[in-house]
Amino acid sequence: MSKYQLVLLLVLVSFVTALVTGIVVATLVSQAPQPVTQTIQRVIEKTIGENKPLPQDDAKMLEESALARDILIEDIVARVSPAVVSIVASKDVPVGSGFFISSDGMILTNKHVVEDTAAEYTVIMNNGKKITAKVLARDPLKDVAVIKIDGGGYSFIPLGDSDGVKIGQTAIAIGNALGEFQNTVSIGVISGLKRTLIASGAAFGPEELAGVMQTDAAINPGNSGGPLLNLKGEAVGLNTAVAHGAQNIGFALPINQIKRSISSVKASGKISYPYIGVRYVMVTTELKEKNKLAVDYGALVAKGSGGEPAVMPDSPAAKARLPDGQAGLKEGDIILEFGGTKVTIDNSLGKLIENRRIGDKVTLKILRDGKELNVEVMPEERK
């Protein structure tokens, strides 16, 4: 793991208590609000960079824009809060949150919220009506799950573009704080991007969370699976973890990381990932110098820390054929490009593989014994 990556011991924001039945809150809205933010943006564009007192007219405009922002947030919250539903488990399980992502009753939440495969889940609508919920899929790689209730015509939260999120922009977190304060709204900013950390606290053990967003909008135990919203009322993140012992350091999975999982569930009823079957470490300047490598980028095919093989038997990487007739990738190869894209820290091999479809034919450029070779692989479904 790079020295630039932040490794923290986190407590997944679920909340366990022997005194109450586990409740998951699902939050939903019908559509994005009117673009009041345009007024704010015009003022920001006009005033940013100026290091002098504002003229009276501009100060008044800024005050009006601040009021418009408050009205915008109030409008989002007013439309979200009445649409809250609860999901009750048949036995004590972690309490968390979730939100509708489609009108047909599909709900997004964290995997650790619904990790108990023996539990049954029931949605309690805002009017008290109870509807049985089914867990459609639990993501094998991310702390993401999709559940569903029967029926249709449900309001839902539109998904935003988390790639466009900037540090300092407003963030709104909504969820069932501490498992007892439903519809809790907290406002803050995006404090950091592309954090990598280790989360613990769920039954499935420690889990690496890569590329997550950091926010100071208060995320408390019970907020797991709730939405992190922008000022358009769009979900840009899935609230997932908090830093243990810290104040206002919470983390959300970027929604763009999750869209593929959602599409997979809609298309096939499950979440599946492609794989090629290699273990690797990302090449950095430090690794290049330490191992006397010829390049300072790419993915070095290597054995696992426990001695696991660098190339898994009967995997796409093992079955691939090189131009010289040799069979498959082997330990020590450096994968320089995947499908024509350079493999770097920001474009890791795992990320590039994940963005491909199962069965796609992909050309890899590898470095072996000082020679660059092209080899074609066909990703298969990860078992």
Protein backbone atom coordinates (compact mmCIF):
# COMPACT_ATOMS: atom_id res chain seq x y z
CA MET A 1 0.00 0.00 0.00
CA SER A 2 1.42 3.45 -0.97
CA LYS A 3 2.74 5.66 1.76
CA TYR A 4 0.35 8.30 0.48
CA GLN A 5 -2.63 6.13 1.27
CA LEU A 6 -4.38 6.61 4.55
CA VAL A 7 -4.79 3.43 6.56
CA LEU A 8 -7.18 3.82 9.46
CA LEU A 9 -9.00 1.46 11.72
CA LEU A 10 -12.61 2.26 11.10
CA VAL A 11 -15.82 1.20 12.64
CA LEU A 12 -18.43 0.45 9.96
CA VAL A 13 -21.34 2.68 10.71
CA SER A 14 -23.73 0.00 11.76
CA PHE A 15 -25.12 -0.05 15.28
CA VAL A 16 -25.78 -3.19 17.28
CA THR A 17 -27.97 -3.27 20.37
CA ALA A 18 -29.56 -6.08 22.31
CA LEU A 19 -32.39 -3.82 23.41
CA VAL A 20 -34.01 -3.01 20.08
CA THR A 21 -34.75 -4.82 16.84
CA GLY A 22 -32.42 -3.87 13.96
CA ILE A 23 -33.86 -1.15 11.73
CA VAL A 24 -32.61 0.01 8.35
CA VAL A 25 -33.90 3.37 7.16
CA ALA A 26 -34.49 3.90 3.45
CA THR A 27 -34.53 7.52 2.30
CA LEU A 28 -35.95 8.67 -1.03
CA VAL A 29 -36.80 11.75 -3.09
CA SER A 30 -38.70 12.13 -6.31
CA GLN A 31 -36.56 14.50 -8.34
CA ALA A 32 -33.79 17.07 -8.16
CA PRO A 33 -34.79 20.58 -6.97
CA GLN A 34 -34.88 23.62 -9.19
CA PRO A 35 -31.39 24.99 -9.87
CA VAL A 36 -31.29 27.64 -7.14
CA THR A 37 -27.55 26.93 -7.06
CA GLN A 38 -27.12 28.99 -10.23
CA THR A 39 -27.55 32.16 -8.16
CA ILE A 40 -24.91 30.98 -5.70
CA GLN A 41 -22.55 30.01 -8.50
CA ARG A 42 -22.81 33.44 -10.14
CA VAL A 43 -21.85 35.14 -6.88
CA ILE A 44 -18.98 32.74 -6.25
CA GLU A 45 -17.63 33.29 -9.75
CA LYS A 46 -17.87 37.03 -9.23
CA THR A 47 -16.21 37.17 -5.80
CA ILE A 48 -13.68 34.36 -5.81
CA GLY A 49 -10.11 35.54 -5.82
CA GLU A 50 -10.96 39.10 -4.73
CA ASN A 51 -8.98 40.15 -1.68
CA LYS A 52 -10.97 43.27 -0.77
CA PRO A 53 -14.26 44.18 0.91
CA LEU A 54 -17.28 43.57 -1.28
CA PRO A 55 -19.27 46.51 -2.62
CA GLN A 56 -22.62 46.92 -0.90
CA ASP A 57 -24.56 45.54 -3.88
CA ASP A 58 -22.34 42.45 -4.05
CA ALA A 59 -22.54 41.92 -0.30
CA LYS A 60 -26.33 42.03 -0.54
CA MET A 61 -26.25 39.57 -3.45
CA LEU A 62 -24.01 37.23 -1.43
CA GLU A 63 -26.39 37.45 1.54
CA GLU A 64 -29.34 36.66 -0.71
CA SER A 65 -27.43 33.75 -2.22
CA ALA A 66 -26.62 32.36 1.22
CA LEU A 67 -30.33 32.54 2.01
CA ALA A 68 -31.07 30.81 -1.29
CA ARG A 69 -28.67 28.02 -0.29
CA ASP A 70 -30.50 27.56 3.02
CA ILE A 71 -33.82 27.45 1.19
CA LEU A 72 -32.38 24.90 -1.21
CA ILE A 73 -31.20 22.63 1.61
CA GLU A 74 -34.50 23.03 3.45
CA ASP A 75 -36.34 22.07 0.27
CA ILE A 76 -34.24 18.94 -0.22
CA VAL A 77 -34.72 17.88 3.40
CA ALA A 78 -38.45 18.66 3.36
CA ARG A 79 -38.99 16.40 0.36
CA VAL A 80 -36.71 13.63 1.64
CA SER A 81 -37.89 13.36 5.24
CA PRO A 82 -41.57 12.48 4.62
CA ALA A 83 -40.47 9.71 2.25
CA VAL A 84 -38.50 7.74 4.85
CA VAL A 85 -39.26 4.04 5.33
CA SER A 86 -37.86 1.49 7.77
CA ILE A 87 -36.65 -2.06 7.18
CA VAL A 88 -36.95 -4.35 10.18
CA ALA A 89 -34.96 -7.56 10.51
CA SER A 90 -36.34 -10.74 12.02
CA LYS A 91 -33.59 -10.70 14.64
CA ASP A 92 -31.04 -8.33 16.10
CA VAL A 93 -28.69 -7.20 13.34
CA PRO A 94 -26.71 -4.00 12.70
CA VAL A 95 -28.90 -0.96 12.18
CA GLY A 96 -28.32 1.14 9.12
CA SER A 97 -29.86 3.19 6.37
CA GLY A 98 -30.62 2.87 2.68
CA PHE A 99 -32.41 4.67 -0.14
CA PHE A 100 -34.52 3.92 -3.19
CA ILE A 101 -32.69 4.06 -6.52
CA SER A 102 -35.60 3.15 -8.81
CA SER A 103 -39.37 3.50 -8.85
CA ASP A 104 -39.87 -0.27 -8.77
CA GLY A 105 -38.69 -0.58 -5.16
CA MET A 106 -34.96 -1.20 -5.55
CA ILE A 107 -33.00 0.02 -2.52
CA LEU A 108 -29.26 0.61 -2.17
CA THR A 109 -27.53 0.00 1.15
CA ASN A 110 -24.30 -1.35 2.63
CA LYS A 111 -23.50 -5.05 2.56
CA HIS A 112 -22.75 -5.02 6.28
CA VAL A 113 -26.28 -3.71 6.97
CA VAL A 114 -27.87 -6.84 5.48
CA GLU A 115 -24.99 -9.27 5.89
CA ASP A 116 -26.99 -11.79 7.95
CA THR A 117 -28.16 -14.25 5.30
CA ALA A 118 -30.42 -16.00 7.81
CA ALA A 119 -32.37 -12.85 8.66
CA GLU A 120 -35.60 -11.76 6.98
CA TYR A 121 -36.17 -8.11 6.18
CA THR A 122 -39.42 -6.16 6.19
CA VAL A 123 -39.90 -2.60 4.98
CA ILE A 124 -42.15 -0.36 7.04
CA MET A 125 -43.41 2.46 4.86
CA ASN A 126 -43.93 5.98 6.11
CA ASN A 127 -47.67 5.27 6.52
CA GLY A 128 -46.94 2.20 8.63
CA LYS A 129 -47.54 -0.35 5.89
CA LYS A 130 -45.20 -3.36 6.07
CA ILE A 131 -43.72 -4.90 2.93
CA THR A 132 -41.39 -7.88 2.79
CA ALA A 133 -37.98 -7.04 1.36
CA LYS A 134 -35.70 -9.38 -0.55
CA VAL A 135 -31.92 -9.09 -0.69
CA LEU A 136 -31.20 -9.19 -4.42
CA ALA A 137 -27.42 -9.12 -4.24
CA ARG A 138 -24.44 -8.55 -1.98
CA ASP A 139 -21.38 -7.16 -3.74
CA PRO A 140 -18.44 -9.59 -3.40
CA LEU A 141 -15.84 -6.81 -3.56
CA LYS A 142 -17.47 -3.68 -2.13
CA ASP A 143 -19.54 -2.90 0.95
CA VAL A 144 -22.65 -2.62 -1.21
CA ALA A 145 -25.95 -4.50 -1.32
CA VAL A 146 -29.20 -4.10 -3.23
CA ILE A 147 -32.57 -5.08 -1.76
CA LYS A 148 -36.07 -4.76 -3.21
CA ILE A 149 -39.70 -4.50 -2.19
CA ASP A 150 -42.67 -5.37 -4.39
CA GLY A 151 -44.80 -2.70 -6.00
CA GLY A 152 -44.06 0.35 -8.07
CA GLY A 153 -44.36 4.09 -8.31
CA TYR A 154 -41.88 4.72 -5.48
CA SER A 155 -40.01 8.00 -5.36
CA PHE A 156 -36.24 7.60 -5.58
CA ILE A 157 -33.01 9.53 -5.32
CA PRO A 158 -31.33 10.29 -8.65
CA LEU A 159 -27.68 9.27 -8.85
CA GLY A 160 -25.17 12.04 -9.45
CA ASP A 161 -21.67 12.06 -10.90
CA SER A 162 -19.16 11.50 -8.10
CA ASP A 163 -16.25 12.08 -10.52
CA GLY A 164 -17.28 15.73 -10.58
CA VAL A 165 -17.23 16.13 -6.79
CA LYS A 166 -14.74 18.72 -5.53
CA ILE A 167 -13.14 19.23 -2.13
CA GLY A 168 -15.02 21.95 -0.25
CA GLN A 169 -18.42 21.48 -1.89
CA THR A 170 -21.49 21.07 0.28
CA ALA A 171 -22.44 17.56 1.40
CA ILE A 172 -25.71 16.47 3.02
CA ALA A 173 -25.92 13.18 4.93
CA ILE A 174 -29.27 11.69 5.93
CA GLY A 175 -29.84 8.56 7.96
CA ASN A 176 -30.97 6.80 11.10
CA ALA A 177 -28.33 8.16 13.48
CA LEU A 178 -27.50 5.84 16.40
CA GLY A 179 -30.33 3.60 15.30
CA GLU A 180 -32.92 5.79 17.03
CA PHE A 181 -32.88 9.30 15.55
CA GLN A 182 -34.57 8.81 12.20
CA ASN A 183 -34.30 11.40 9.43
CA THR A 184 -31.22 12.94 11.02
CA VAL A 185 -29.78 15.54 8.63
CA SER A 186 -26.18 16.73 8.85
CA ILE A 187 -24.54 19.32 6.61
CA GLY A 188 -20.85 19.66 5.86
CA VAL A 189 -18.38 19.64 3.02
CA ILE A 190 -16.37 17.12 1.07
CA SER A 191 -13.13 17.02 3.08
CA GLY A 192 -11.04 14.71 0.92
CA LEU A 193 -11.09 12.47 -2.13
CA LYS A 194 -9.56 9.15 -3.17
CA ARG A 195 -8.81 7.97 0.37
CA THR A 196 -7.78 4.35 0.87
CA LEU A 197 -8.34 2.79 4.27
CA ILE A 198 -9.10 -0.43 6.11
CA ALA A 199 -12.56 -0.78 7.63
CA SER A 200 -13.46 -3.27 10.34
CA GLY A 201 -16.46 -4.05 12.48
CA ALA A 202 -18.59 -6.28 10.28
CA ALA A 203 -18.96 -10.04 10.35
CA PHE A 204 -17.07 -10.42 7.08
CA GLY A 205 -13.94 -8.93 8.68
CA PRO A 206 -11.55 -6.12 7.70
CA GLU A 207 -12.13 -4.69 4.24
CA GLU A 208 -10.11 -2.29 2.12
CA LEU A 209 -12.07 0.73 0.96
CA ALA A 210 -10.32 2.36 -1.99
CA GLY A 211 -11.02 5.74 -3.54
CA VAL A 212 -13.58 6.80 -0.92
CA MET A 213 -14.73 10.34 -0.24
CA GLN A 214 -14.15 11.96 3.15
CA THR A 215 -16.73 14.34 4.63
CA ASP A 216 -17.19 16.29 7.84
CA ALA A 217 -20.98 16.02 7.56
CA ALA A 218 -21.66 14.05 10.73
CA ILE A 219 -21.99 10.34 9.98
CA ASN A 220 -22.90 8.41 13.10
CA PRO A 221 -23.48 4.72 13.81
CA GLY A 222 -26.74 3.95 12.05
CA ASN A 223 -25.98 6.05 8.96
CA SER A 224 -24.62 3.04 7.05
CA GLY A 225 -26.18 2.81 3.61
CA GLY A 226 -27.66 6.30 3.66
CA PRO A 227 -27.11 8.79 0.86
CA LEU A 228 -24.53 11.55 0.72
CA LEU A 229 -26.22 14.27 -1.34
CA ASN A 230 -25.10 17.28 -3.31
CA LEU A 231 -27.06 20.52 -3.63
CA LYS A 232 -28.96 19.13 -6.60
CA GLY A 233 -30.49 16.50 -4.37
CA GLU A 234 -28.48 13.76 -6.10
CA ALA A 235 -26.74 10.89 -4.32
CA VAL A 236 -23.01 11.21 -4.94
CA GLY A 237 -21.97 8.78 -2.23
CA LEU A 238 -23.05 5.86 -0.06
CA ASN A 239 -22.26 6.55 3.60
CA THR A 240 -20.16 3.65 4.81
CA ALA A 241 -17.70 4.28 7.65
CA VAL A 242 -16.45 6.63 10.35
CA ALA A 243 -12.98 7.03 11.83
CA HIS A 244 -12.96 5.54 15.31
CA GLY A 245 -12.11 8.06 18.03
CA ALA A 246 -12.24 11.04 15.67
CA GLN A 247 -14.74 13.84 15.22
CA ASN A 248 -16.54 14.44 11.92
CA ILE A 249 -14.35 12.18 9.83
CA GLY A 250 -16.70 10.03 7.82
CA PHE A 251 -16.36 8.18 4.54
CA ALA A 252 -18.67 7.43 1.64
CA LEU A 253 -18.25 5.16 -1.36
CA PRO A 254 -18.41 7.30 -4.54
CA ILE A 255 -21.64 6.56 -6.38
CA ASN A 256 -19.79 6.06 -9.67
CA GLN A 257 -18.04 3.06 -8.11
CA ILE A 258 -21.45 1.56 -7.40
CA LYS A 259 -23.28 2.23 -10.68
CA ARG A 260 -21.76 -0.83 -12.31
CA SER A 261 -23.04 -3.04 -9.47
CA ILE A 262 -26.52 -1.55 -9.81
CA SER A 263 -26.52 -2.13 -13.58
CA SER A 264 -25.35 -5.70 -13.03
CA VAL A 265 -28.25 -6.40 -10.66
CA LYS A 266 -30.77 -4.89 -13.06
CA ALA A 267 -29.39 -6.89 -15.99
CA SER A 268 -28.73 -10.27 -14.39
CA GLY A 269 -30.13 -10.20 -10.86
CA LYS A 270 -26.67 -10.49 -9.33
CA ILE A 271 -23.42 -8.58 -8.96
CA SER A 272 -20.60 -10.21 -10.88
CA TYR A 273 -17.07 -9.12 -11.69
CA PRO A 274 -14.62 -10.04 -14.44
CA TYR A 275 -11.18 -11.34 -13.51
CA ILE A 276 -8.05 -12.49 -15.33
CA GLY A 277 -6.45 -14.42 -12.46
CA VAL A 278 -3.21 -12.67 -11.52
CA ARG A 279 -1.87 -11.40 -8.22
CA TYR A 280 0.18 -8.25 -8.50
CA VAL A 281 1.68 -5.20 -6.85
CA MET A 282 1.54 -1.76 -8.42
CA VAL A 283 4.92 -0.54 -9.60
CA THR A 284 6.06 2.74 -8.05
CA THR A 285 9.34 4.65 -8.14
CA GLU A 286 10.27 3.08 -4.82
CA LEU A 287 9.48 -0.45 -6.03
CA LYS A 288 11.42 0.16 -9.24
CA GLU A 289 14.52 1.17 -7.28
CA LYS A 290 14.16 -1.62 -4.72
CA ASN A 291 13.68 -4.41 -7.30
CA LYS A 292 15.81 -2.79 -10.02
CA LEU A 293 12.92 -2.79 -12.49
CA ALA A 294 13.09 -1.24 -15.95
CA VAL A 295 9.91 0.85 -15.52
CA ASP A 296 8.26 2.89 -12.78
CA TYR A 297 4.65 2.04 -13.70
CA GLY A 298 2.53 -1.01 -14.39
CA ALA A 299 1.50 -4.07 -12.37
CA LEU A 300 4.19 -6.55 -11.33
CA VAL A 301 2.82 -10.11 -11.33
CA ALA A 302 3.85 -11.56 -7.96
CA LYS A 303 3.00 -14.25 -5.42
CA GLY A 304 0.60 -13.45 -2.59
CA SER A 305 1.87 -12.63 0.89
CA GLY A 306 0.95 -16.15 1.98
CA GLY A 307 2.73 -17.79 -0.93
CA GLU A 308 -0.34 -17.99 -3.18
CA PRO A 309 0.56 -18.43 -6.86
CA ALA A 310 1.11 -15.31 -8.93
CA VAL A 311 -1.05 -16.71 -11.73
CA MET A 312 -4.09 -18.76 -10.76
CA PRO A 313 -4.34 -22.17 -12.45
CA ASP A 314 -6.84 -22.41 -15.31
CA SER A 315 -7.46 -18.66 -15.20
CA PRO A 316 -7.68 -16.40 -18.28
CA ALA A 317 -4.13 -15.22 -17.59
CA ALA A 318 -2.90 -18.83 -17.41
CA LYS A 319 -4.70 -19.82 -20.61
CA ALA A 320 -3.49 -16.85 -22.66
CA ARG A 321 -1.00 -17.47 -25.46
CA LEU A 322 1.92 -15.17 -26.20
CA PRO A 323 3.15 -14.44 -29.73
CA ASP A 324 6.18 -16.70 -29.23
CA GLY A 325 3.93 -19.63 -28.33
CA GLN A 326 4.56 -19.53 -24.59
CA ALA A 327 1.55 -20.27 -22.40
CA GLY A 328 0.19 -17.56 -20.20
CA LEU A 329 1.50 -14.86 -17.93
CA LYS A 330 4.04 -15.75 -15.26
CA GLU A 331 5.57 -14.36 -12.11
CA GLY A 332 7.83 -11.39 -12.83
CA ASP A 333 5.88 -10.13 -15.84
CA ILE A 334 4.95 -6.44 -15.67
CA ILE A 335 1.59 -5.54 -17.20
CA LEU A 336 2.18 -2.12 -18.78
CA GLU A 337 -1.13 -1.60 -20.56
CA PHE A 338 -4.60 -3.11 -20.33
CA GLY A 339 -6.80 -2.63 -23.37
CA GLY A 340 -4.60 0.21 -24.60
CA THR A 341 -4.69 2.08 -21.26
CA LYS A 342 -1.49 2.60 -19.30
CA VAL A 343 -1.53 0.86 -15.92
CA THR A 344 -0.71 3.40 -13.20
CA ILE A 345 -1.51 4.08 -9.55
CA ASP A 346 -4.54 6.16 -10.62
CA ASN A 347 -5.49 3.59 -13.29
CA SER A 348 -4.79 0.40 -11.35
CA LEU A 349 -5.06 -2.99 -13.01
CA GLY A 350 -7.97 -3.95 -10.77
CA LYS A 351 -9.89 -0.82 -11.76
CA LEU A 352 -9.27 -1.41 -15.46
CA ILE A 353 -10.37 -5.05 -15.22
CA GLU A 354 -13.49 -4.10 -13.26
CA ASN A 355 -14.59 -1.72 -16.01
CA ARG A 356 -14.56 -4.52 -18.61
CA ARG A 357 -17.35 -6.95 -19.39
CA ILE A 358 -17.06 -10.66 -18.85
CA GLY A 359 -16.09 -12.28 -22.16
CA ASP A 360 -14.47 -9.17 -23.64
CA LYS A 361 -11.24 -9.77 -25.55
CA VAL A 362 -8.57 -7.48 -24.13
CA THR A 363 -4.99 -6.94 -25.29
CA LEU A 364 -2.34 -6.66 -22.60
CA LYS A 365 1.07 -5.16 -23.17
CA ILE A 366 3.56 -6.86 -20.87
CA LEU A 367 7.27 -6.51 -20.16
CA ARG A 368 9.12 -9.83 -19.92
CA ASP A 369 12.89 -10.19 -19.83
CA GLY A 370 13.31 -6.68 -21.19
CA LYS A 371 10.97 -7.23 -24.15
CA GLU A 372 7.50 -5.79 -24.67
CA LEU A 373 4.93 -8.37 -25.78
CA ASN A 374 1.22 -8.21 -26.55
CA VAL A 375 -1.07 -10.95 -25.27
CA GLU A 376 -4.82 -11.31 -25.58
CA VAL A 377 -6.93 -12.41 -22.58
CA MET A 378 -10.66 -12.92 -22.13
CA PRO A 379 -11.86 -11.99 -18.60
CA GLU A 380 -14.14 -14.55 -16.96
CA GLU A 381 -16.60 -14.24 -14.09
CA ARG A 382 -14.96 -14.14 -10.68
CA LYS A 383 -16.04 -17.18 -8.71
